């Protein structure tokens, strides 16, 4: 697979990602249903027997410039099945056609739609990479607006620092198979202006981390974005919050994409499902003891 670099044409990147991932089959016994909500195309992932289950708002990754519900269909369907929950995946607006705050506006619109129509439902938010950033930014925007928050959040290899200041950009530079440190800032420039990059809604690593719901973070030890996750976890702990950080030895950025092909990917998704079920109260006593 070609490396993701800022010099590559966005349309080439999108086409390549779609061609490699959209053909992968979803998890068995998970129904995929296309819909449109407030002019945003979305996909519902509904595991068998979960028509009225709690809801995951899943925000896909792709450096804010690529990705879609189709590219993440296999990954999200496995998470939905592991959690025993429905998942909604919006096709939020991408840069450079739609720069900040377009994606955040779309995420907030989806969350508020779900909240207004599912008053009694327990909502979860989560995502990978840029979608992890967007999940964290959505939490911050909701908290600062005084709105009801999701019951929990999960982040996979979140990209949280658009200033490219994390130490792992150097300490993991030779071990990351996908990214190079010198590409992070130019990629961020496709989405955010220079003066925006320390905005907590752009780089959640600089946010006040107080009064957030329980958060689970899974990240690979070999990725240059590792310190984005470790710094966020430290910030949450210092603010007295509830965070669980899982660093996977030898793993790379969003290794969960290889679900069904690598035991680490399968275990990560199983652990995410266990975490989410524990937060909505759907674990049996036996499962809690496991």
Protein backbone atom coordinates (compact mmCIF):
# COMPACT_ATOMS: atom_id res chain seq x y z
CA UNK A 1 0.00 0.00 0.00
CA UNK A 2 1.27 3.50 -0.83
CA UNK A 3 2.09 5.82 2.02
CA UNK A 4 -0.29 8.64 2.82
CA UNK A 5 1.56 11.85 1.97
CA UNK A 6 0.33 15.45 1.61
CA UNK A 7 1.68 15.60 -1.94
CA UNK A 8 -0.68 12.92 -3.22
CA UNK A 9 -3.86 14.09 -4.91
CA UNK A 10 -6.88 13.96 -2.61
CA UNK A 11 -9.05 12.37 -5.26
CA UNK A 12 -6.41 9.69 -5.84
CA UNK A 13 -6.30 9.00 -2.10
CA UNK A 14 -10.07 8.72 -1.86
CA UNK A 15 -10.35 6.45 -4.87
CA UNK A 16 -7.58 4.19 -3.61
CA UNK A 17 -9.06 3.85 -0.13
CA UNK A 18 -12.56 3.18 -1.47
CA UNK A 19 -11.31 0.54 -3.92
CA UNK A 20 -9.39 -1.35 -1.20
CA UNK A 21 -11.92 -1.24 1.61
CA UNK A 22 -15.47 -0.91 0.30
CA UNK A 23 -15.35 -4.43 -1.20
CA UNK A 24 -14.67 -6.03 2.19
CA UNK A 25 -17.74 -7.84 3.54
CA UNK A 26 -19.35 -6.62 6.76
CA UNK A 27 -19.58 -8.78 9.85
CA UNK A 28 -22.04 -11.62 9.61
CA UNK A 29 -25.54 -11.07 10.96
CA UNK A 30 -25.17 -7.27 10.73
CA UNK A 31 -27.61 -5.45 8.49
CA UNK A 32 -26.31 -2.38 6.61
CA UNK A 33 -28.98 0.22 5.83
CA UNK A 34 -28.41 3.44 3.92
CA UNK A 35 -30.30 6.55 5.00
CA UNK A 36 -30.17 10.34 4.79
CA UNK A 37 -30.41 12.47 7.93
CA UNK A 38 -30.57 16.26 7.64
CA UNK A 39 -29.08 16.08 4.13
CA UNK A 40 -26.16 13.92 5.28
CA UNK A 41 -25.83 10.42 3.86
CA UNK A 42 -25.39 7.77 6.56
CA UNK A 43 -25.28 4.05 7.12
CA UNK A 44 -26.92 2.17 9.95
CA UNK A 45 -25.23 -1.03 11.14
CA UNK A 46 -27.78 -3.15 12.98
CA UNK A 47 -26.70 -6.52 14.42
CA UNK A 48 -29.31 -9.24 14.45
CA UNK A 49 -31.64 -8.79 17.42
CA UNK A 50 -30.45 -5.24 18.13
CA UNK A 51 -33.23 -3.15 16.59
CA UNK A 52 -33.78 -1.27 19.85
CA UNK A 53 -30.24 -1.44 21.23
CA UNK A 54 -28.18 1.56 22.35
CA UNK A 55 -26.59 3.60 19.57
CA UNK A 56 -22.98 4.26 18.60
CA UNK A 57 -22.32 7.43 16.60
CA UNK A 58 -19.20 6.34 14.70
CA UNK A 59 -16.98 8.94 13.03
CA UNK A 60 -14.67 7.46 10.42
CA UNK A 61 -11.02 8.31 9.93
CA UNK A 62 -9.17 9.41 6.83
CA UNK A 63 -7.17 12.54 7.77
CA UNK A 64 -10.33 14.64 7.27
CA UNK A 65 -9.79 14.39 3.50
CA UNK A 66 -10.98 10.86 2.69
CA UNK A 67 -13.03 7.98 4.05
CA UNK A 68 -16.75 7.28 4.09
CA UNK A 69 -19.27 4.89 5.57
CA UNK A 70 -18.29 2.45 2.80
CA UNK A 71 -14.56 2.47 3.64
CA UNK A 72 -15.28 1.68 7.28
CA UNK A 73 -18.18 -0.71 6.79
CA UNK A 74 -16.30 -3.85 7.78
CA UNK A 75 -14.64 -2.30 10.83
CA UNK A 76 -17.76 -0.65 12.20
CA UNK A 77 -19.96 -3.69 11.61
CA UNK A 78 -17.61 -5.78 13.74
CA UNK A 79 -17.61 -3.18 16.50
CA UNK A 80 -21.41 -3.00 16.43
CA UNK A 81 -21.67 -6.79 16.66
CA UNK A 82 -19.10 -6.99 19.48
CA UNK A 83 -20.98 -4.32 21.43
CA UNK A 84 -24.47 -5.60 20.60
CA UNK A 85 -25.44 -2.07 19.57
CA UNK A 86 -26.62 -0.17 16.54
CA UNK A 87 -24.07 2.10 14.87
CA UNK A 88 -24.72 5.19 12.75
CA UNK A 89 -21.90 6.24 10.41
CA UNK A 90 -22.36 9.69 8.81
CA UNK A 91 -20.69 10.71 5.56
CA UNK A 92 -19.50 14.00 7.01
CA UNK A 93 -18.05 16.71 4.78
CA UNK A 94 -14.37 16.39 3.84
CA UNK A 95 -11.54 18.84 3.23
CA UNK A 96 -10.14 20.55 1.29
CA UNK A 97 -13.56 21.29 -0.23
CA UNK A 98 -15.01 21.74 3.27
CA UNK A 99 -12.49 22.93 5.83
CA UNK A 100 -12.90 23.30 9.59
CA UNK A 101 -15.46 23.42 11.18
CA UNK A 102 -17.56 21.60 8.55
CA UNK A 103 -16.91 18.05 9.81
CA UNK A 104 -17.53 19.09 13.43
CA UNK A 105 -20.78 20.80 12.45
CA UNK A 106 -21.93 17.59 10.76
CA UNK A 107 -20.98 15.47 13.77
CA UNK A 108 -22.87 17.75 16.14
CA UNK A 109 -25.87 17.71 13.82
CA UNK A 110 -25.93 13.89 13.87
CA UNK A 111 -25.54 13.68 17.64
CA UNK A 112 -28.30 16.22 18.25
CA UNK A 113 -30.56 14.41 15.80
CA UNK A 114 -30.07 11.15 17.69
CA UNK A 115 -30.55 12.82 21.05
CA UNK A 116 -33.75 14.60 19.99
CA UNK A 117 -35.31 11.44 18.58
CA UNK A 118 -33.93 8.91 21.03
CA UNK A 119 -34.53 10.55 24.38
CA UNK A 120 -34.46 7.26 26.24
CA UNK A 121 -31.56 5.74 24.29
CA UNK A 122 -28.04 5.45 25.62
CA UNK A 123 -25.66 7.05 23.12
CA UNK A 124 -21.98 6.26 22.56
CA UNK A 125 -19.53 8.21 20.40
CA UNK A 126 -16.32 6.92 18.90
CA UNK A 127 -14.02 6.84 15.93
CA UNK A 128 -10.58 6.19 14.52
CA UNK A 129 -7.74 8.56 13.59
CA UNK A 130 -9.33 11.83 12.37
CA UNK A 131 -12.64 10.37 13.51
CA UNK A 132 -11.13 10.04 16.98
CA UNK A 133 -10.26 13.73 16.85
CA UNK A 134 -13.79 14.52 15.73
CA UNK A 135 -15.26 12.38 18.54
CA UNK A 136 -13.21 14.22 21.15
CA UNK A 137 -14.03 17.63 19.64
CA UNK A 138 -17.72 16.76 19.61
CA UNK A 139 -17.57 15.89 23.32
CA UNK A 140 -15.86 19.18 24.08
CA UNK A 141 -18.35 21.23 22.05
CA UNK A 142 -21.31 19.50 23.70
CA UNK A 143 -19.85 19.92 27.19
CA UNK A 144 -19.09 23.59 26.66
CA UNK A 145 -22.63 24.15 25.34
CA UNK A 146 -24.09 22.53 28.46
CA UNK A 147 -25.68 19.67 26.51
CA UNK A 148 -26.14 16.09 27.61
CA UNK A 149 -23.09 13.99 26.82
CA UNK A 150 -22.83 10.41 25.55
CA UNK A 151 -22.49 7.77 28.24
CA UNK A 152 -19.03 6.81 26.92
CA UNK A 153 -16.49 7.39 24.17
CA UNK A 154 -13.93 5.16 22.47
CA UNK A 155 -10.98 6.27 20.36
CA UNK A 156 -8.73 4.19 18.10
CA UNK A 157 -5.38 5.78 17.20
CA UNK A 158 -6.83 9.29 17.53
CA UNK A 159 -5.08 12.19 15.75
CA UNK A 160 -5.35 14.89 18.40
CA UNK A 161 -2.49 17.36 17.88
CA UNK A 162 -2.47 19.36 14.66
CA UNK A 163 0.68 21.19 15.78
CA UNK A 164 2.68 17.95 15.41
CA UNK A 165 4.37 18.42 18.78
CA UNK A 166 4.11 14.90 20.19
CA UNK A 167 7.36 13.18 21.13
CA UNK A 168 6.38 9.94 19.39
CA UNK A 169 6.69 11.69 16.03
CA UNK A 170 10.41 11.27 16.63
CA UNK A 171 10.62 8.21 18.87
CA UNK A 172 8.41 6.12 16.56
CA UNK A 173 9.54 7.64 13.25
CA UNK A 174 11.37 4.50 12.12
CA UNK A 175 8.78 1.99 13.34
CA UNK A 176 5.59 3.47 11.84
CA UNK A 177 4.83 1.65 8.56
CA UNK A 178 2.30 4.21 7.29
CA UNK A 179 3.27 7.77 8.19
CA UNK A 180 6.25 10.10 8.41
CA UNK A 181 6.59 12.94 10.97
CA UNK A 182 7.25 15.55 8.29
CA UNK A 183 3.90 14.80 6.65
CA UNK A 184 1.69 15.53 9.67
CA UNK A 185 1.70 19.33 9.60
CA UNK A 186 1.26 19.62 5.78
CA UNK A 187 -1.66 17.19 5.96
CA UNK A 188 -3.25 19.26 8.75
CA UNK A 189 -2.85 22.34 6.55
CA UNK A 190 -5.37 20.87 4.09
CA UNK A 191 -8.02 21.20 6.78
CA UNK A 192 -6.97 23.87 9.28
CA UNK A 193 -5.32 27.26 9.04
CA UNK A 194 -2.15 27.84 11.05
CA UNK A 195 -3.86 30.01 13.67
CA UNK A 196 -6.56 27.36 14.26
CA UNK A 197 -4.25 24.48 15.16
CA UNK A 198 -4.08 25.15 18.90
CA UNK A 199 -7.85 25.54 19.13
CA UNK A 200 -9.03 22.72 21.46
CA UNK A 201 -11.75 21.83 18.94
CA UNK A 202 -8.99 21.29 16.36
CA UNK A 203 -6.33 19.81 18.65
CA UNK A 204 -8.17 18.30 21.64
CA UNK A 205 -4.84 17.63 23.31
CA UNK A 206 -4.90 21.31 24.36
CA UNK A 207 -8.41 21.18 25.82
CA UNK A 208 -9.59 21.32 29.40
CA UNK A 209 -10.22 17.59 29.91
CA UNK A 210 -12.62 17.88 32.84
CA UNK A 211 -16.20 16.63 33.00
CA UNK A 212 -15.99 14.16 30.14
CA UNK A 213 -17.66 10.73 30.03
CA UNK A 214 -15.60 7.54 30.45
CA UNK A 215 -13.17 7.18 27.55
CA UNK A 216 -11.37 4.11 26.17
CA UNK A 217 -8.30 4.64 23.98
CA UNK A 218 -6.62 1.92 21.91
CA UNK A 219 -3.38 2.86 20.14
CA UNK A 220 -0.41 1.05 18.61
CA UNK A 221 3.05 1.28 20.16
CA UNK A 222 4.62 1.63 16.69
CA UNK A 223 2.72 4.69 15.49
CA UNK A 224 3.96 8.25 15.38
CA UNK A 225 0.66 9.44 16.88
CA UNK A 226 1.13 7.39 20.05
CA UNK A 227 1.82 10.42 22.24
CA UNK A 228 -1.46 12.03 21.14
CA UNK A 229 -3.19 9.22 23.01
CA UNK A 230 -0.89 9.13 26.02
CA UNK A 231 -1.08 12.91 26.53
CA UNK A 232 -4.87 12.92 26.30
CA UNK A 233 -5.05 10.09 28.84
CA UNK A 234 -2.72 12.03 31.17
CA UNK A 235 -4.85 15.17 30.80
CA UNK A 236 -8.04 13.29 31.63
CA UNK A 237 -6.49 11.65 34.70
CA UNK A 238 -5.15 15.00 35.93
CA UNK A 239 -8.66 16.43 35.55
CA UNK A 240 -10.06 13.58 37.67
CA UNK A 241 -11.73 11.82 34.75
CA UNK A 242 -12.27 8.19 33.83
CA UNK A 243 -9.95 6.98 31.06
CA UNK A 244 -8.58 3.59 30.07
CA UNK A 245 -5.52 3.60 27.80
CA UNK A 246 -4.48 0.40 26.01
CA UNK A 247 -1.18 0.54 24.12
CA UNK A 248 -0.81 -2.46 21.80
CA UNK A 249 2.75 -3.73 21.49
CA UNK A 250 4.06 -3.86 17.93
CA UNK A 251 0.86 -2.46 16.42
CA UNK A 252 0.36 0.39 13.98
CA UNK A 253 -2.25 3.03 13.17
CA UNK A 254 -5.84 1.68 13.33
CA UNK A 255 -4.68 -1.93 13.20
CA UNK A 256 -8.29 -2.90 13.92
CA UNK A 257 -8.90 -2.61 10.18
CA UNK A 258 -7.42 -6.11 9.95
CA UNK A 259 -10.26 -7.67 11.92
CA UNK A 260 -10.62 -11.31 11.00
CA UNK A 261 -7.00 -11.43 9.82
CA UNK A 262 -4.98 -10.67 12.96
CA UNK A 263 -5.62 -11.83 16.54
CA UNK A 264 -4.66 -8.40 17.91
CA UNK A 265 -7.36 -6.74 15.81
CA UNK A 266 -9.95 -9.25 16.95
CA UNK A 267 -8.99 -8.83 20.61
CA UNK A 268 -9.07 -5.06 20.39
CA UNK A 269 -12.58 -5.05 18.97
CA UNK A 270 -13.70 -7.58 21.57
CA UNK A 271 -12.33 -5.33 24.33
CA UNK A 272 -14.03 -2.28 22.83
CA UNK A 273 -17.33 -4.17 22.75
CA UNK A 274 -16.88 -5.25 26.37
CA UNK A 275 -16.17 -1.64 27.42
CA UNK A 276 -19.21 -0.27 25.62
CA UNK A 277 -21.56 -2.89 27.02
CA UNK A 278 -20.26 -2.23 30.52
CA UNK A 279 -21.12 1.46 30.14
CA UNK A 280 -24.71 0.87 29.09
CA UNK A 281 -25.31 -1.81 31.71
CA UNK A 282 -25.80 -4.72 29.35
CA UNK A 283 -23.04 -7.01 30.65
CA UNK A 284 -24.00 -10.20 32.43
CA UNK A 285 -22.35 -11.00 35.76
CA UNK A 286 -20.22 -13.64 34.01
CA UNK A 287 -19.04 -11.13 31.40
CA UNK A 288 -18.13 -8.56 34.06
CA UNK A 289 -15.97 -11.16 35.80
CA UNK A 290 -14.17 -12.11 32.59
